[in-house]
Amino acid sequence: MRRDSTKTSILEAAIRLAMTHGYNRISREQIAAHAGCVPSVVSYHFGTMCKLRRAILGEAKRLHIEPILEQSQAALHGRGRK
């Protein structure tokens, strides 16, 4: 189904960007550009950036992507800001 593949592409792009730029430093526009869609499609599938970040974190937990898990812990404790 195309809808599921689009959502998967968005999440994969978001994870790649989070690995490169940081969990809290990515934007809807960056994600859309890397997923090959427009920002409104990202919003359609995930709603807010908060919900998208939760999806990123959930996938990072499922796949054991330590850099993203570490970033989320640092952000939780106020150490992820510059």
C-alpha atoms as a PDB file:
ATOM      1  CA  MET A   1       0.000   0.000   0.000  1.00  0.00           C
ATOM      2  CA  ARG A   2       1.427   3.395  -1.033  1.00  0.00           C
ATOM      3  CA  ARG A   3       0.368   5.152   2.186  1.00  0.00           C
ATOM      4  CA  ASP A   4       2.401   2.766   4.335  1.00  0.00           C
ATOM      5  CA  SER A   5       5.440   3.052   2.088  1.00  0.00           C
ATOM      6  CA  THR A   6       5.285   6.850   2.242  1.00  0.00           C
ATOM      7  CA  LYS A   7       5.059   6.799   6.027  1.00  0.00           C
ATOM      8  CA  THR A   8       7.961   4.338   6.173  1.00  0.00           C
ATOM      9  CA  SER A   9      10.037   6.521   3.822  1.00  0.00           C
ATOM     10  CA  ILE A  10       9.381   9.553   6.004  1.00  0.00           C
ATOM     11  CA  LEU A  11      10.367   7.720   9.177  1.00  0.00           C
ATOM     12  CA  GLU A  12      13.522   6.315   7.566  1.00  0.00           C
ATOM     13  CA  ALA A  13      14.515   9.780   6.345  1.00  0.00           C
ATOM     14  CA  ALA A  14      13.860  11.217   9.802  1.00  0.00           C
ATOM     15  CA  ILE A  15      16.054   8.568  11.426  1.00  0.00           C
ATOM     16  CA  ARG A  16      18.904   9.205   8.980  1.00  0.00           C
ATOM     17  CA  LEU A  17      18.677  12.938   9.633  1.00  0.00           C
ATOM     18  CA  ALA A  18      18.504  12.442  13.393  1.00  0.00           C
ATOM     19  CA  MET A  19      21.679  10.363  13.204  1.00  0.00           C
ATOM     20  CA  THR A  20      23.437  13.111  11.246  1.00  0.00           C
ATOM     21  CA  HIS A  21      22.035  16.351  12.654  1.00  0.00           C
ATOM     22  CA  GLY A  22      20.593  15.418  16.028  1.00  0.00           C
ATOM     23  CA  TYR A  23      17.260  14.206  17.283  1.00  0.00           C
ATOM     24  CA  ASN A  24      15.980  17.688  18.228  1.00  0.00           C
ATOM     25  CA  ARG A  25      17.600  19.612  15.382  1.00  0.00           C
ATOM     26  CA  ILE A  26      15.697  18.254  12.415  1.00  0.00           C
ATOM     27  CA  SER A  27      12.759  19.976  10.768  1.00  0.00           C
ATOM     28  CA  ARG A  28       9.678  18.830   8.938  1.00  0.00           C
ATOM     29  CA  GLU A  29      11.045  20.521   5.815  1.00  0.00           C
ATOM     30  CA  GLN A  30      14.364  18.655   5.988  1.00  0.00           C
ATOM     31  CA  ILE A  31      12.593  15.353   6.514  1.00  0.00           C
ATOM     32  CA  ALA A  32      10.212  15.983   3.619  1.00  0.00           C
ATOM     33  CA  ALA A  33      13.073  16.886   1.281  1.00  0.00           C
ATOM     34  CA  HIS A  34      14.939  13.689   2.156  1.00  0.00           C
ATOM     35  CA  ALA A  35      11.795  11.551   1.901  1.00  0.00           C
ATOM     36  CA  GLY A  36      10.857  13.012  -1.495  1.00  0.00           C
ATOM     37  CA  CYS A  37       7.598  14.612  -0.417  1.00  0.00           C
ATOM     38  CA  VAL A  38       6.256  17.940   0.795  1.00  0.00           C
ATOM     39  CA  PRO A  39       6.071  18.964   4.478  1.00  0.00           C
ATOM     40  CA  SER A  40       2.284  18.646   4.534  1.00  0.00           C
ATOM     41  CA  VAL A  41       2.641  14.921   3.778  1.00  0.00           C
ATOM     42  CA  VAL A  42       4.888  14.564   6.827  1.00  0.00           C
ATOM     43  CA  SER A  43       2.202  16.316   8.873  1.00  0.00           C
ATOM     44  CA  TYR A  44      -0.505  14.099   7.396  1.00  0.00           C
ATOM     45  CA  HIS A  45       1.278  10.922   8.491  1.00  0.00           C
ATOM     46  CA  PHE A  46       2.677  12.058  11.855  1.00  0.00           C
ATOM     47  CA  GLY A  47       0.811  15.186  12.913  1.00  0.00           C
ATOM     48  CA  THR A  48       3.133  17.251  15.074  1.00  0.00           C
ATOM     49  CA  MET A  49       6.911  17.149  15.276  1.00  0.00           C
ATOM     50  CA  CYS A  50       6.485  15.875  18.827  1.00  0.00           C
ATOM     51  CA  LYS A  51       4.587  12.841  17.509  1.00  0.00           C
ATOM     52  CA  LEU A  52       7.182  12.324  14.787  1.00  0.00           C
ATOM     53  CA  ARG A  53       9.994  12.476  17.351  1.00  0.00           C
ATOM     54  CA  ARG A  54       8.141   9.864  19.420  1.00  0.00           C
ATOM     55  CA  ALA A  55       7.943   7.649  16.325  1.00  0.00           C
ATOM     56  CA  ILE A  56      11.679   8.164  15.709  1.00  0.00           C
ATOM     57  CA  LEU A  57      12.427   7.264  19.305  1.00  0.00           C
ATOM     58  CA  GLY A  58      10.173   4.198  19.143  1.00  0.00           C
ATOM     59  CA  GLU A  59      11.936   2.964  16.028  1.00  0.00           C
ATOM     60  CA  ALA A  60      15.335   3.716  17.575  1.00  0.00           C
ATOM     61  CA  LYS A  61      14.372   1.586  20.566  1.00  0.00           C
ATOM     62  CA  ARG A  62      13.103  -1.216  18.339  1.00  0.00           C
ATOM     63  CA  LEU A  63      16.257  -1.194  16.208  1.00  0.00           C
ATOM     64  CA  HIS A  64      18.659  -0.370  19.078  1.00  0.00           C
ATOM     65  CA  ILE A  65      19.973   2.813  17.439  1.00  0.00           C
ATOM     66  CA  GLU A  66      22.088   3.993  20.351  1.00  0.00           C
ATOM     67  CA  PRO A  67      23.037   7.487  19.087  1.00  0.00           C
ATOM     68  CA  ILE A  68      19.376   8.516  18.871  1.00  0.00           C
ATOM     69  CA  LEU A  69      18.570   6.931  22.233  1.00  0.00           C
ATOM     70  CA  GLU A  70      21.484   8.807  23.792  1.00  0.00           C
ATOM     71  CA  GLN A  71      20.349  12.075  22.196  1.00  0.00           C
ATOM     72  CA  SER A  72      16.844  11.675  23.559  1.00  0.00           C
ATOM     73  CA  GLN A  73      18.199  11.018  27.060  1.00  0.00           C
ATOM     74  CA  ALA A  74      20.454  14.062  26.830  1.00  0.00           C
ATOM     75  CA  ALA A  75      17.520  16.206  25.684  1.00  0.00           C
ATOM     76  CA  LEU A  76      15.378  14.857  28.505  1.00  0.00           C
ATOM     77  CA  HIS A  77      18.000  15.951  31.014  1.00  0.00           C
ATOM     78  CA  GLY A  78      18.695  19.295  29.348  1.00  0.00           C
ATOM     79  CA  ARG A  79      22.124  18.362  28.011  1.00  0.00           C
ATOM     80  CA  GLY A  80      21.183  18.304  24.329  1.00  0.00           C
ATOM     81  CA  ARG A  81      20.967  22.068  23.914  1.00  0.00           C
ATOM     82  CA  LYS A  82      23.651  24.389  22.653  1.00  0.00           C
END
